[in-house]
N, C-alpha and C. Protein backbone atom coordinates (compact mmCIF):
# COMPACT_ATOMS: atom_id res chain seq x y z
N UNK A 1 31.52 69.35 59.91
CA UNK A 1 31.66 69.34 58.45
C UNK A 1 31.71 67.89 57.96
N UNK A 2 31.03 67.63 56.87
CA UNK A 2 30.95 66.27 56.35
C UNK A 2 32.30 65.80 55.84
N UNK A 3 32.54 64.51 56.01
CA UNK A 3 33.75 63.88 55.51
C UNK A 3 33.47 63.31 54.14
N UNK A 4 34.21 63.78 53.15
CA UNK A 4 34.02 63.33 51.76
C UNK A 4 34.89 62.13 51.45
N UNK A 5 36.15 62.17 51.88
CA UNK A 5 37.10 61.08 51.62
C UNK A 5 37.58 60.54 52.96
N UNK A 6 37.22 59.30 53.25
CA UNK A 6 37.55 58.71 54.55
C UNK A 6 39.04 58.36 54.65
N UNK A 7 39.65 58.01 53.54
CA UNK A 7 41.07 57.65 53.54
C UNK A 7 41.79 58.54 52.53
N UNK A 8 42.50 59.52 53.02
CA UNK A 8 43.14 60.49 52.14
C UNK A 8 44.53 60.81 52.68
N UNK A 9 45.31 61.47 51.83
CA UNK A 9 46.70 61.79 52.17
C UNK A 9 47.06 63.16 51.61
N UNK A 10 47.77 63.92 52.42
CA UNK A 10 48.32 65.20 51.98
C UNK A 10 49.83 65.09 51.84
N UNK A 11 50.36 65.57 50.72
CA UNK A 11 51.78 65.45 50.41
C UNK A 11 52.40 66.83 50.31
N UNK A 12 53.39 67.08 51.15
CA UNK A 12 54.15 68.34 51.08
C UNK A 12 55.47 68.02 50.39
N UNK A 13 55.59 68.44 49.13
CA UNK A 13 56.71 68.05 48.27
C UNK A 13 57.80 69.11 48.31
N UNK A 14 59.02 68.65 48.48
CA UNK A 14 60.20 69.51 48.42
C UNK A 14 61.21 68.91 47.45
N UNK A 15 62.35 69.55 47.36
CA UNK A 15 63.37 69.09 46.42
C UNK A 15 63.91 67.72 46.81
N UNK A 16 64.14 67.50 48.10
CA UNK A 16 64.77 66.25 48.54
C UNK A 16 63.84 65.33 49.31
N UNK A 17 62.77 65.87 49.86
CA UNK A 17 61.90 65.06 50.72
C UNK A 17 60.43 65.29 50.36
N UNK A 18 59.62 64.31 50.76
CA UNK A 18 58.17 64.39 50.66
C UNK A 18 57.59 63.99 52.01
N UNK A 19 56.82 64.88 52.62
CA UNK A 19 56.16 64.59 53.89
C UNK A 19 54.72 64.19 53.59
N UNK A 20 54.35 62.98 54.01
CA UNK A 20 53.02 62.44 53.74
C UNK A 20 52.26 62.32 55.05
N UNK A 21 51.06 62.87 55.07
CA UNK A 21 50.17 62.77 56.22
C UNK A 21 48.90 62.07 55.78
N UNK A 22 48.63 60.90 56.35
CA UNK A 22 47.45 60.11 56.03
C UNK A 22 46.42 60.26 57.14
N UNK A 23 45.21 60.58 56.75
CA UNK A 23 44.09 60.68 57.68
C UNK A 23 43.08 59.60 57.34
N UNK A 24 42.82 58.72 58.31
CA UNK A 24 41.87 57.62 58.13
C UNK A 24 40.71 57.84 59.10
N UNK A 25 39.52 58.05 58.55
CA UNK A 25 38.34 58.31 59.36
C UNK A 25 37.59 57.01 59.61
N UNK A 26 37.43 56.68 60.88
CA UNK A 26 36.71 55.45 61.25
C UNK A 26 35.20 55.69 61.20
N UNK A 27 34.45 54.62 61.42
CA UNK A 27 33.00 54.72 61.36
C UNK A 27 32.41 55.57 62.47
N UNK A 28 33.06 55.61 63.63
CA UNK A 28 32.56 56.41 64.75
C UNK A 28 33.02 57.85 64.70
N UNK A 29 33.73 58.24 63.64
CA UNK A 29 34.16 59.62 63.48
C UNK A 29 35.56 59.91 63.96
N UNK A 30 36.21 58.96 64.61
CA UNK A 30 37.60 59.17 65.05
C UNK A 30 38.54 59.14 63.86
N UNK A 31 39.63 59.89 64.00
CA UNK A 31 40.58 60.04 62.90
C UNK A 31 41.93 59.50 63.33
N UNK A 32 42.46 58.57 62.53
CA UNK A 32 43.80 58.03 62.75
C UNK A 32 44.77 58.81 61.86
N UNK A 33 45.76 59.45 62.47
CA UNK A 33 46.70 60.29 61.75
C UNK A 33 48.07 59.64 61.74
N UNK A 34 48.63 59.47 60.53
CA UNK A 34 49.96 58.89 60.38
C UNK A 34 50.79 59.79 59.48
N UNK A 35 52.01 60.09 59.91
CA UNK A 35 52.90 60.99 59.17
C UNK A 35 54.23 60.29 58.96
N UNK A 36 54.69 60.31 57.73
CA UNK A 36 56.01 59.77 57.40
C UNK A 36 56.69 60.67 56.38
N UNK A 37 58.02 60.63 56.41
CA UNK A 37 58.82 61.43 55.48
C UNK A 37 59.62 60.50 54.58
N UNK A 38 59.57 60.77 53.27
CA UNK A 38 60.25 59.95 52.28
C UNK A 38 61.19 60.83 51.47
N UNK A 39 62.21 60.19 50.92
CA UNK A 39 63.08 60.88 49.98
C UNK A 39 62.41 60.96 48.61
N UNK A 40 62.89 61.88 47.78
CA UNK A 40 62.31 62.02 46.44
C UNK A 40 62.98 61.11 45.42
N UNK A 41 63.91 60.24 45.87
CA UNK A 41 64.49 59.26 44.97
C UNK A 41 63.44 58.22 44.59
N UNK A 42 63.59 57.64 43.41
CA UNK A 42 62.58 56.72 42.90
C UNK A 42 62.30 55.54 43.83
N UNK A 43 63.32 54.87 44.41
CA UNK A 43 63.00 53.75 45.33
C UNK A 43 62.15 54.19 46.52
N UNK A 44 62.43 55.37 47.07
CA UNK A 44 61.64 55.85 48.19
C UNK A 44 60.22 56.25 47.77
N UNK A 45 60.09 56.79 46.56
CA UNK A 45 58.75 57.11 46.08
C UNK A 45 57.93 55.84 45.85
N UNK A 46 58.58 54.78 45.44
CA UNK A 46 57.88 53.49 45.30
C UNK A 46 57.45 52.97 46.67
N UNK A 47 58.30 53.17 47.68
CA UNK A 47 57.91 52.80 49.04
C UNK A 47 56.71 53.62 49.51
N UNK A 48 56.69 54.90 49.15
CA UNK A 48 55.55 55.74 49.48
C UNK A 48 54.28 55.23 48.82
N UNK A 49 54.38 54.84 47.56
CA UNK A 49 53.21 54.30 46.86
C UNK A 49 52.72 53.01 47.53
N UNK A 50 53.65 52.13 47.91
CA UNK A 50 53.26 50.89 48.58
C UNK A 50 52.62 51.18 49.94
N UNK A 51 53.16 52.17 50.66
CA UNK A 51 52.61 52.53 51.96
C UNK A 51 51.19 53.05 51.84
N UNK A 52 50.93 53.90 50.85
CA UNK A 52 49.58 54.42 50.64
C UNK A 52 48.62 53.30 50.24
N UNK A 53 49.10 52.36 49.42
CA UNK A 53 48.25 51.24 49.02
C UNK A 53 47.92 50.34 50.21
N UNK A 54 48.90 50.13 51.10
CA UNK A 54 48.66 49.28 52.27
C UNK A 54 47.65 49.89 53.23
N UNK A 55 47.58 51.21 53.26
CA UNK A 55 46.61 51.89 54.12
C UNK A 55 45.27 52.10 53.44
N UNK A 56 45.16 51.72 52.19
CA UNK A 56 43.90 51.87 51.48
C UNK A 56 43.56 53.31 51.14
N UNK A 57 44.56 54.15 50.92
CA UNK A 57 44.32 55.56 50.59
C UNK A 57 43.74 55.65 49.18
N UNK A 58 42.62 56.33 49.06
CA UNK A 58 41.94 56.46 47.77
C UNK A 58 42.19 57.81 47.10
N UNK A 59 42.54 58.84 47.89
CA UNK A 59 42.76 60.17 47.35
C UNK A 59 44.00 60.78 48.00
N UNK A 60 44.79 61.46 47.19
CA UNK A 60 46.00 62.14 47.68
C UNK A 60 46.09 63.49 46.99
N UNK A 61 46.58 64.47 47.72
CA UNK A 61 46.71 65.84 47.19
C UNK A 61 48.12 66.34 47.42
N UNK A 62 48.62 67.07 46.44
CA UNK A 62 49.94 67.69 46.55
C UNK A 62 49.93 69.03 45.85
N UNK A 63 50.77 69.94 46.32
CA UNK A 63 50.84 71.27 45.73
C UNK A 63 51.74 71.24 44.48
N UNK A 64 51.45 72.14 43.57
CA UNK A 64 52.26 72.26 42.35
C UNK A 64 53.48 73.13 42.66
N UNK A 65 54.46 72.52 43.30
CA UNK A 65 55.68 73.22 43.71
C UNK A 65 56.74 73.10 42.63
N UNK A 66 56.90 74.16 41.83
CA UNK A 66 57.91 74.15 40.77
C UNK A 66 57.75 72.94 39.86
N UNK A 67 58.86 72.22 39.67
CA UNK A 67 58.84 70.97 38.89
C UNK A 67 59.01 69.76 39.80
N UNK A 68 59.08 69.98 41.11
CA UNK A 68 59.34 68.88 42.03
C UNK A 68 58.15 67.92 42.14
N UNK A 69 56.96 68.39 41.81
CA UNK A 69 55.78 67.54 41.94
C UNK A 69 55.70 66.50 40.84
N UNK A 70 56.38 66.71 39.72
CA UNK A 70 56.20 65.82 38.57
C UNK A 70 56.63 64.39 38.82
N UNK A 71 57.86 64.12 39.32
CA UNK A 71 58.21 62.72 39.57
C UNK A 71 57.33 62.06 40.61
N UNK A 72 56.91 62.83 41.63
CA UNK A 72 56.01 62.28 42.64
C UNK A 72 54.68 61.91 42.02
N UNK A 73 54.16 62.78 41.18
CA UNK A 73 52.88 62.52 40.52
C UNK A 73 52.98 61.32 39.60
N UNK A 74 54.08 61.21 38.85
CA UNK A 74 54.22 60.10 37.90
C UNK A 74 54.31 58.76 38.61
N UNK A 75 54.99 58.71 39.75
CA UNK A 75 55.14 57.44 40.47
C UNK A 75 53.85 57.04 41.18
N UNK A 76 53.17 58.02 41.77
CA UNK A 76 51.98 57.72 42.55
C UNK A 76 50.73 57.57 41.71
N UNK A 77 50.79 57.95 40.44
CA UNK A 77 49.62 57.86 39.58
C UNK A 77 49.21 56.40 39.42
N UNK A 78 47.96 56.12 39.77
CA UNK A 78 47.48 54.74 39.76
C UNK A 78 45.98 54.74 39.51
N UNK A 79 45.48 53.62 38.96
CA UNK A 79 44.05 53.54 38.68
C UNK A 79 43.22 53.48 39.96
N UNK A 80 43.78 52.92 41.03
CA UNK A 80 43.04 52.78 42.29
C UNK A 80 43.20 53.99 43.20
N UNK A 81 43.93 55.00 42.76
CA UNK A 81 44.20 56.17 43.59
C UNK A 81 44.01 57.44 42.78
N UNK A 82 43.29 58.38 43.33
CA UNK A 82 43.05 59.66 42.66
C UNK A 82 44.01 60.70 43.21
N UNK A 83 44.77 61.32 42.32
CA UNK A 83 45.72 62.36 42.70
C UNK A 83 45.17 63.72 42.32
N UNK A 84 45.28 64.66 43.24
CA UNK A 84 44.85 66.02 43.00
C UNK A 84 46.06 66.95 43.08
N UNK A 85 46.33 67.64 41.99
CA UNK A 85 47.38 68.65 41.97
C UNK A 85 46.73 69.99 42.26
N UNK A 86 47.16 70.64 43.34
CA UNK A 86 46.47 71.83 43.85
C UNK A 86 47.36 73.05 43.66
N UNK A 87 46.75 74.12 43.20
CA UNK A 87 47.44 75.40 43.10
C UNK A 87 47.55 76.01 44.49
N UNK A 88 48.77 76.35 44.95
CA UNK A 88 48.91 76.92 46.30
C UNK A 88 48.11 78.19 46.51
N UNK A 89 47.85 78.95 45.45
CA UNK A 89 47.10 80.19 45.59
C UNK A 89 45.63 79.95 45.90
N UNK A 90 45.16 78.72 45.63
CA UNK A 90 43.76 78.40 45.89
C UNK A 90 43.55 77.89 47.32
N UNK A 91 44.59 77.87 48.11
CA UNK A 91 44.49 77.36 49.48
C UNK A 91 44.76 78.49 50.46
N UNK A 92 44.15 78.39 51.59
CA UNK A 92 44.48 79.31 52.67
C UNK A 92 45.84 78.96 53.25
N UNK A 93 46.46 79.95 53.84
CA UNK A 93 47.73 79.69 54.52
C UNK A 93 47.47 78.87 55.78
N UNK A 94 48.43 78.03 56.11
CA UNK A 94 48.31 77.21 57.31
C UNK A 94 48.38 78.11 58.54
N UNK A 95 47.38 78.05 59.43
CA UNK A 95 47.43 78.92 60.62
C UNK A 95 48.54 78.51 61.56
N UNK A 96 49.16 79.48 62.19
CA UNK A 96 50.23 79.19 63.13
C UNK A 96 51.56 79.08 62.43
N UNK A 97 52.52 78.47 63.13
CA UNK A 97 53.87 78.31 62.59
C UNK A 97 53.87 77.32 61.43
N UNK A 98 54.52 77.67 60.36
CA UNK A 98 54.54 76.86 59.15
C UNK A 98 55.63 75.80 59.23
N UNK A 99 55.25 74.52 59.15
CA UNK A 99 56.19 73.40 59.10
C UNK A 99 55.73 72.44 58.02
N UNK A 100 56.62 71.53 57.64
CA UNK A 100 56.28 70.56 56.61
C UNK A 100 55.15 69.64 57.06
N UNK A 101 55.19 69.22 58.32
CA UNK A 101 54.15 68.33 58.84
C UNK A 101 52.81 69.04 58.88
N UNK A 102 52.79 70.29 59.32
CA UNK A 102 51.53 71.04 59.37
C UNK A 102 50.99 71.28 57.97
N UNK A 103 51.87 71.53 57.00
CA UNK A 103 51.41 71.72 55.62
C UNK A 103 50.75 70.45 55.08
N UNK A 104 51.39 69.31 55.28
CA UNK A 104 50.82 68.05 54.79
C UNK A 104 49.53 67.72 55.51
N UNK A 105 49.47 67.98 56.81
CA UNK A 105 48.23 67.71 57.56
C UNK A 105 47.11 68.64 57.12
N UNK A 106 47.45 69.88 56.84
CA UNK A 106 46.45 70.85 56.36
C UNK A 106 45.91 70.42 54.99
N UNK A 107 46.79 69.97 54.11
CA UNK A 107 46.35 69.46 52.82
C UNK A 107 45.41 68.27 52.99
N UNK A 108 45.81 67.33 53.84
CA UNK A 108 45.00 66.14 54.05
C UNK A 108 43.64 66.50 54.65
N UNK A 109 43.60 67.46 55.56
CA UNK A 109 42.34 67.84 56.18
C UNK A 109 41.41 68.52 55.18
N UNK A 110 41.96 69.39 54.35
CA UNK A 110 41.14 70.02 53.31
C UNK A 110 40.62 68.98 52.31
N UNK A 111 41.49 68.05 51.94
CA UNK A 111 41.07 67.00 51.02
C UNK A 111 40.01 66.11 51.66
N UNK A 112 40.14 65.84 52.94
CA UNK A 112 39.19 64.98 53.66
C UNK A 112 37.78 65.54 53.60
N UNK A 113 37.66 66.85 53.62
CA UNK A 113 36.35 67.49 53.59
C UNK A 113 35.95 67.97 52.18
N UNK A 114 36.76 67.62 51.17
CA UNK A 114 36.40 67.97 49.80
C UNK A 114 36.50 69.44 49.49
N UNK A 115 37.47 70.13 50.08
CA UNK A 115 37.60 71.58 49.90
C UNK A 115 38.71 71.96 48.94
N UNK A 116 39.28 71.02 48.24
CA UNK A 116 40.38 71.31 47.31
C UNK A 116 39.88 71.23 45.87
N UNK A 117 40.38 72.14 45.06
CA UNK A 117 40.05 72.15 43.64
C UNK A 117 41.28 71.71 42.85
N UNK A 118 41.13 70.61 42.13
CA UNK A 118 42.27 70.03 41.41
C UNK A 118 42.52 70.75 40.10
N UNK A 119 43.80 70.89 39.77
CA UNK A 119 44.19 71.41 38.46
C UNK A 119 44.08 70.30 37.41
N UNK A 120 43.89 70.72 36.16
CA UNK A 120 43.76 69.73 35.09
C UNK A 120 45.13 69.17 34.73
N UNK A 121 45.25 67.85 34.77
CA UNK A 121 46.46 67.16 34.36
C UNK A 121 46.08 66.17 33.26
N UNK A 122 46.60 66.32 32.05
CA UNK A 122 46.25 65.39 30.97
C UNK A 122 46.79 64.00 31.25
N UNK A 123 46.28 62.99 30.56
CA UNK A 123 46.79 61.63 30.75
C UNK A 123 48.27 61.52 30.38
N UNK A 124 48.89 60.43 30.84
CA UNK A 124 50.34 60.25 30.64
C UNK A 124 50.74 60.28 29.16
N UNK A 125 50.01 59.60 28.24
CA UNK A 125 50.42 59.69 26.81
C UNK A 125 50.39 61.11 26.27
N UNK A 126 49.39 61.89 26.68
CA UNK A 126 49.30 63.28 26.22
C UNK A 126 50.45 64.10 26.78
N UNK A 127 50.81 63.84 28.04
CA UNK A 127 51.93 64.56 28.64
C UNK A 127 53.24 64.26 27.92
N UNK A 128 53.42 62.99 27.51
CA UNK A 128 54.64 62.62 26.80
C UNK A 128 54.71 63.31 25.43
N UNK A 129 53.60 63.36 24.72
CA UNK A 129 53.57 64.04 23.42
C UNK A 129 53.81 65.53 23.59
N UNK A 130 53.26 66.11 24.64
CA UNK A 130 53.45 67.54 24.89
C UNK A 130 54.90 67.86 25.17
N UNK A 131 55.57 67.02 25.97
CA UNK A 131 56.98 67.24 26.25
C UNK A 131 57.81 67.13 24.98
N UNK A 132 57.46 66.17 24.12
CA UNK A 132 58.21 65.99 22.87
C UNK A 132 58.05 67.19 21.94
N UNK A 133 56.82 67.68 21.79
CA UNK A 133 56.59 68.82 20.90
C UNK A 133 57.24 70.10 21.47
N UNK A 134 57.25 70.25 22.79
CA UNK A 134 57.91 71.42 23.38
C UNK A 134 59.42 71.36 23.17
N UNK A 135 59.98 70.15 23.28
CA UNK A 135 61.41 70.01 23.05
C UNK A 135 61.76 70.29 21.59
N UNK A 136 60.93 69.83 20.67
CA UNK A 136 61.16 70.11 19.25
C UNK A 136 61.09 71.62 18.98
N UNK A 137 60.14 72.29 19.60
CA UNK A 137 60.03 73.74 19.43
C UNK A 137 61.29 74.43 19.93
N UNK A 138 61.84 73.95 21.04
CA UNK A 138 63.06 74.53 21.57
C UNK A 138 64.24 74.33 20.62
N UNK A 139 64.35 73.13 20.04
CA UNK A 139 65.43 72.87 19.10
C UNK A 139 65.32 73.74 17.86
N UNK A 140 64.11 73.91 17.34
CA UNK A 140 63.91 74.76 16.16
C UNK A 140 64.30 76.20 16.48
N UNK A 141 63.93 76.67 17.67
CA UNK A 141 64.28 78.04 18.05
C UNK A 141 65.78 78.20 18.21
N UNK A 142 66.45 77.20 18.79
CA UNK A 142 67.90 77.26 18.93
C UNK A 142 68.58 77.27 17.57
N UNK A 143 68.06 76.49 16.63
CA UNK A 143 68.64 76.49 15.29
C UNK A 143 68.51 77.85 14.63
N UNK A 144 67.36 78.49 14.79
CA UNK A 144 67.17 79.82 14.21
C UNK A 144 68.07 80.84 14.90
N UNK A 145 68.25 80.71 16.21
CA UNK A 145 69.14 81.64 16.92
C UNK A 145 70.58 81.51 16.45
N UNK A 146 71.05 80.27 16.22
CA UNK A 146 72.40 80.08 15.73
C UNK A 146 72.57 80.66 14.33
N UNK A 147 71.57 80.50 13.48
CA UNK A 147 71.64 81.06 12.13
C UNK A 147 71.69 82.59 12.17
N UNK A 148 70.86 83.17 13.04
CA UNK A 148 70.87 84.64 13.16
C UNK A 148 72.19 85.14 13.73
N UNK A 149 72.77 84.39 14.67
CA UNK A 149 74.05 84.80 15.25
C UNK A 149 75.17 84.74 14.19
N UNK A 150 75.13 83.70 13.36
CA UNK A 150 76.13 83.59 12.31
C UNK A 150 75.97 84.70 11.27
N UNK A 151 74.72 85.02 10.94
CA UNK A 151 74.48 86.10 9.99
C UNK A 151 74.96 87.45 10.56
N UNK A 152 74.77 87.66 11.85
CA UNK A 152 75.23 88.89 12.47
C UNK A 152 76.75 88.98 12.44
N UNK A 153 77.42 87.84 12.66
CA UNK A 153 78.88 87.83 12.62
C UNK A 153 79.39 88.14 11.21
N UNK A 154 78.75 87.56 10.21
CA UNK A 154 79.15 87.84 8.82
C UNK A 154 78.93 89.31 8.46
N UNK A 155 77.80 89.87 8.94
CA UNK A 155 77.55 91.28 8.66
C UNK A 155 78.61 92.15 9.32
N UNK A 156 79.03 91.77 10.53
CA UNK A 156 80.07 92.53 11.20
C UNK A 156 81.40 92.47 10.48
N UNK A 157 81.64 91.36 9.76
CA UNK A 157 82.86 91.22 8.97
C UNK A 157 82.69 91.75 7.55
N UNK A 158 81.54 92.38 7.30
CA UNK A 158 81.22 92.95 5.98
C UNK A 158 81.16 91.88 4.89
N UNK A 159 80.68 90.71 5.26
CA UNK A 159 80.41 89.65 4.29
C UNK A 159 78.92 89.64 4.01
N UNK A 160 78.53 90.18 2.86
CA UNK A 160 77.12 90.39 2.55
C UNK A 160 76.53 89.14 1.89
N UNK A 161 76.56 88.03 2.61
CA UNK A 161 76.04 86.79 2.04
C UNK A 161 74.54 86.86 1.84
N UNK A 162 73.81 87.42 2.80
CA UNK A 162 72.36 87.50 2.69
C UNK A 162 71.92 88.47 1.60
N UNK A 163 72.79 89.44 1.27
CA UNK A 163 72.40 90.43 0.27
C UNK A 163 72.51 89.90 -1.15
N UNK A 164 73.39 88.92 -1.39
CA UNK A 164 73.61 88.44 -2.75
C UNK A 164 72.89 87.12 -3.02
N UNK A 165 72.41 86.47 -1.98
CA UNK A 165 71.72 85.18 -2.17
C UNK A 165 70.34 85.46 -2.75
N UNK A 166 69.92 84.68 -3.77
CA UNK A 166 68.58 84.87 -4.34
C UNK A 166 67.48 84.64 -3.32
N UNK A 167 67.65 83.67 -2.42
CA UNK A 167 66.69 83.43 -1.35
C UNK A 167 67.42 83.54 -0.02
N UNK A 168 66.68 83.52 1.04
CA UNK A 168 67.28 83.67 2.36
C UNK A 168 68.19 82.50 2.64
N UNK A 169 69.46 82.79 2.87
CA UNK A 169 70.42 81.71 3.14
C UNK A 169 70.16 81.09 4.49
N UNK A 170 69.47 81.82 5.37
CA UNK A 170 69.13 81.25 6.67
C UNK A 170 68.17 80.07 6.48
N UNK A 171 67.22 80.20 5.54
CA UNK A 171 66.30 79.10 5.28
C UNK A 171 67.04 77.92 4.66
N UNK A 172 67.99 78.20 3.78
CA UNK A 172 68.77 77.12 3.19
C UNK A 172 69.60 76.43 4.25
N UNK A 173 70.18 77.22 5.15
CA UNK A 173 70.97 76.65 6.23
C UNK A 173 70.12 75.74 7.11
N UNK A 174 68.86 76.10 7.31
CA UNK A 174 67.99 75.30 8.16
C UNK A 174 67.70 73.94 7.55
N UNK A 175 67.81 73.80 6.23
CA UNK A 175 67.53 72.54 5.56
C UNK A 175 68.76 71.64 5.50
N UNK A 176 69.91 72.14 5.80
CA UNK A 176 71.15 71.37 5.73
C UNK A 176 71.61 70.99 7.12
N UNK A 177 72.36 69.93 7.19
CA UNK A 177 72.84 69.44 8.47
C UNK A 177 74.03 70.28 8.94
N UNK A 178 74.31 70.25 10.27
CA UNK A 178 75.50 70.98 10.77
C UNK A 178 76.80 70.48 10.17
N UNK A 179 76.83 69.21 9.72
CA UNK A 179 78.05 68.67 9.11
C UNK A 179 78.45 69.48 7.89
N UNK A 180 77.43 69.95 7.14
CA UNK A 180 77.71 70.71 5.93
C UNK A 180 78.41 72.03 6.25
N UNK A 181 78.09 72.61 7.43
CA UNK A 181 78.71 73.87 7.80
C UNK A 181 80.05 73.66 8.49
N UNK A 182 80.14 72.69 9.33
CA UNK A 182 81.35 72.51 10.11
C UNK A 182 82.50 71.95 9.29
N UNK A 183 82.21 71.04 8.35
CA UNK A 183 83.25 70.39 7.58
C UNK A 183 83.59 71.17 6.32
N UNK A 184 82.58 71.47 5.55
CA UNK A 184 82.83 72.13 4.27
C UNK A 184 83.09 73.63 4.42
N UNK A 185 82.51 74.24 5.47
CA UNK A 185 82.72 75.67 5.66
C UNK A 185 81.73 76.50 4.87
N UNK A 186 81.67 77.79 5.20
CA UNK A 186 80.68 78.67 4.57
C UNK A 186 80.98 78.85 3.08
N UNK A 187 82.22 79.03 2.76
CA UNK A 187 82.55 79.30 1.35
C UNK A 187 82.23 78.10 0.48
N UNK A 188 82.60 76.89 0.93
CA UNK A 188 82.33 75.69 0.14
C UNK A 188 80.83 75.48 0.00
N UNK A 189 80.09 75.70 1.09
CA UNK A 189 78.66 75.53 1.02
C UNK A 189 78.02 76.52 0.05
N UNK A 190 78.51 77.77 0.09
CA UNK A 190 77.94 78.79 -0.79
C UNK A 190 78.17 78.43 -2.25
N UNK A 191 79.37 77.98 -2.57
CA UNK A 191 79.68 77.64 -3.96
C UNK A 191 78.88 76.42 -4.41
N UNK A 192 78.82 75.39 -3.56
CA UNK A 192 78.09 74.19 -3.97
C UNK A 192 76.59 74.43 -4.00
N UNK A 193 76.09 75.32 -3.12
CA UNK A 193 74.66 75.62 -3.16
C UNK A 193 74.29 76.35 -4.44
N UNK A 194 75.14 77.26 -4.88
CA UNK A 194 74.86 77.98 -6.13
C UNK A 194 74.84 77.02 -7.30
N UNK A 195 75.66 75.98 -7.25
CA UNK A 195 75.69 75.00 -8.33
C UNK A 195 74.63 73.92 -8.15
N UNK A 196 73.89 73.98 -7.05
CA UNK A 196 72.87 72.97 -6.81
C UNK A 196 73.44 71.62 -6.45
N UNK A 197 74.64 71.59 -5.86
CA UNK A 197 75.31 70.31 -5.60
C UNK A 197 75.57 70.10 -4.12
N UNK A 198 74.76 70.73 -3.25
CA UNK A 198 74.99 70.59 -1.82
C UNK A 198 74.82 69.14 -1.38
N UNK A 199 73.79 68.47 -1.89
CA UNK A 199 73.53 67.10 -1.46
C UNK A 199 74.60 66.15 -1.95
N UNK A 200 75.24 66.46 -3.08
CA UNK A 200 76.28 65.57 -3.60
C UNK A 200 77.60 65.76 -2.86
N UNK A 201 77.87 66.99 -2.36
CA UNK A 201 79.16 67.25 -1.72
C UNK A 201 79.15 66.97 -0.22
N UNK A 202 77.97 66.97 0.39
CA UNK A 202 77.88 66.78 1.84
C UNK A 202 77.36 65.39 2.13
N UNK A 203 78.14 64.50 2.72
CA UNK A 203 77.65 63.14 3.00
C UNK A 203 76.44 63.14 3.91
N UNK A 204 76.39 64.06 4.88
CA UNK A 204 75.24 64.07 5.78
C UNK A 204 73.96 64.45 5.06
N UNK A 205 74.06 65.44 4.15
CA UNK A 205 72.88 65.84 3.39
C UNK A 205 72.46 64.75 2.42
N UNK A 206 73.42 64.08 1.82
CA UNK A 206 73.10 63.02 0.85
C UNK A 206 72.45 61.82 1.52
N UNK A 207 72.77 61.62 2.79
CA UNK A 207 72.20 60.46 3.49
C UNK A 207 70.78 60.70 3.97
N UNK A 208 70.31 61.95 3.95
CA UNK A 208 68.97 62.24 4.43
C UNK A 208 67.93 61.70 3.46
């Protein structure tokens, strides 16, 4: 079988360790195999990156194992090195007894012959924006959940605040800061909101 990448590395990523197997194909077809184990701490990942650079590794592959692959991918990402994130379902199982070294060697061998299909990973700026927008979505959902929980508690106490408000008080609550609720309380907020003076009575709202 033809060799596509002469200098490649397979990475078996775990929670605490990363097993790296480097395969270097010489001109006469012989293969030099080197295996090392690194910790997933940042200093050790930097040592892994330096080790791959010293061996002239041009391609590296790792499985998408939970969220453990992300710090490894971020540290090893480099212009002179191509990283392939591989879906484990797209690979055959390693024949024989399964070990970390055999997994990394199997990855490196498949990568060496160009038999791995990489998953799409957006550039680092796009990944940062995506994480920020996902976190904002989570905060908005948590805010709505808290408002619904408070409304359910009031309904259980037979306080029909939502029934007498001209507009949804949940939407009004979403526009005001938590300081307005925690300090002034529901009754004060309701009275000041009816008078249109929420921003004047709440320092947090007035500062927005």
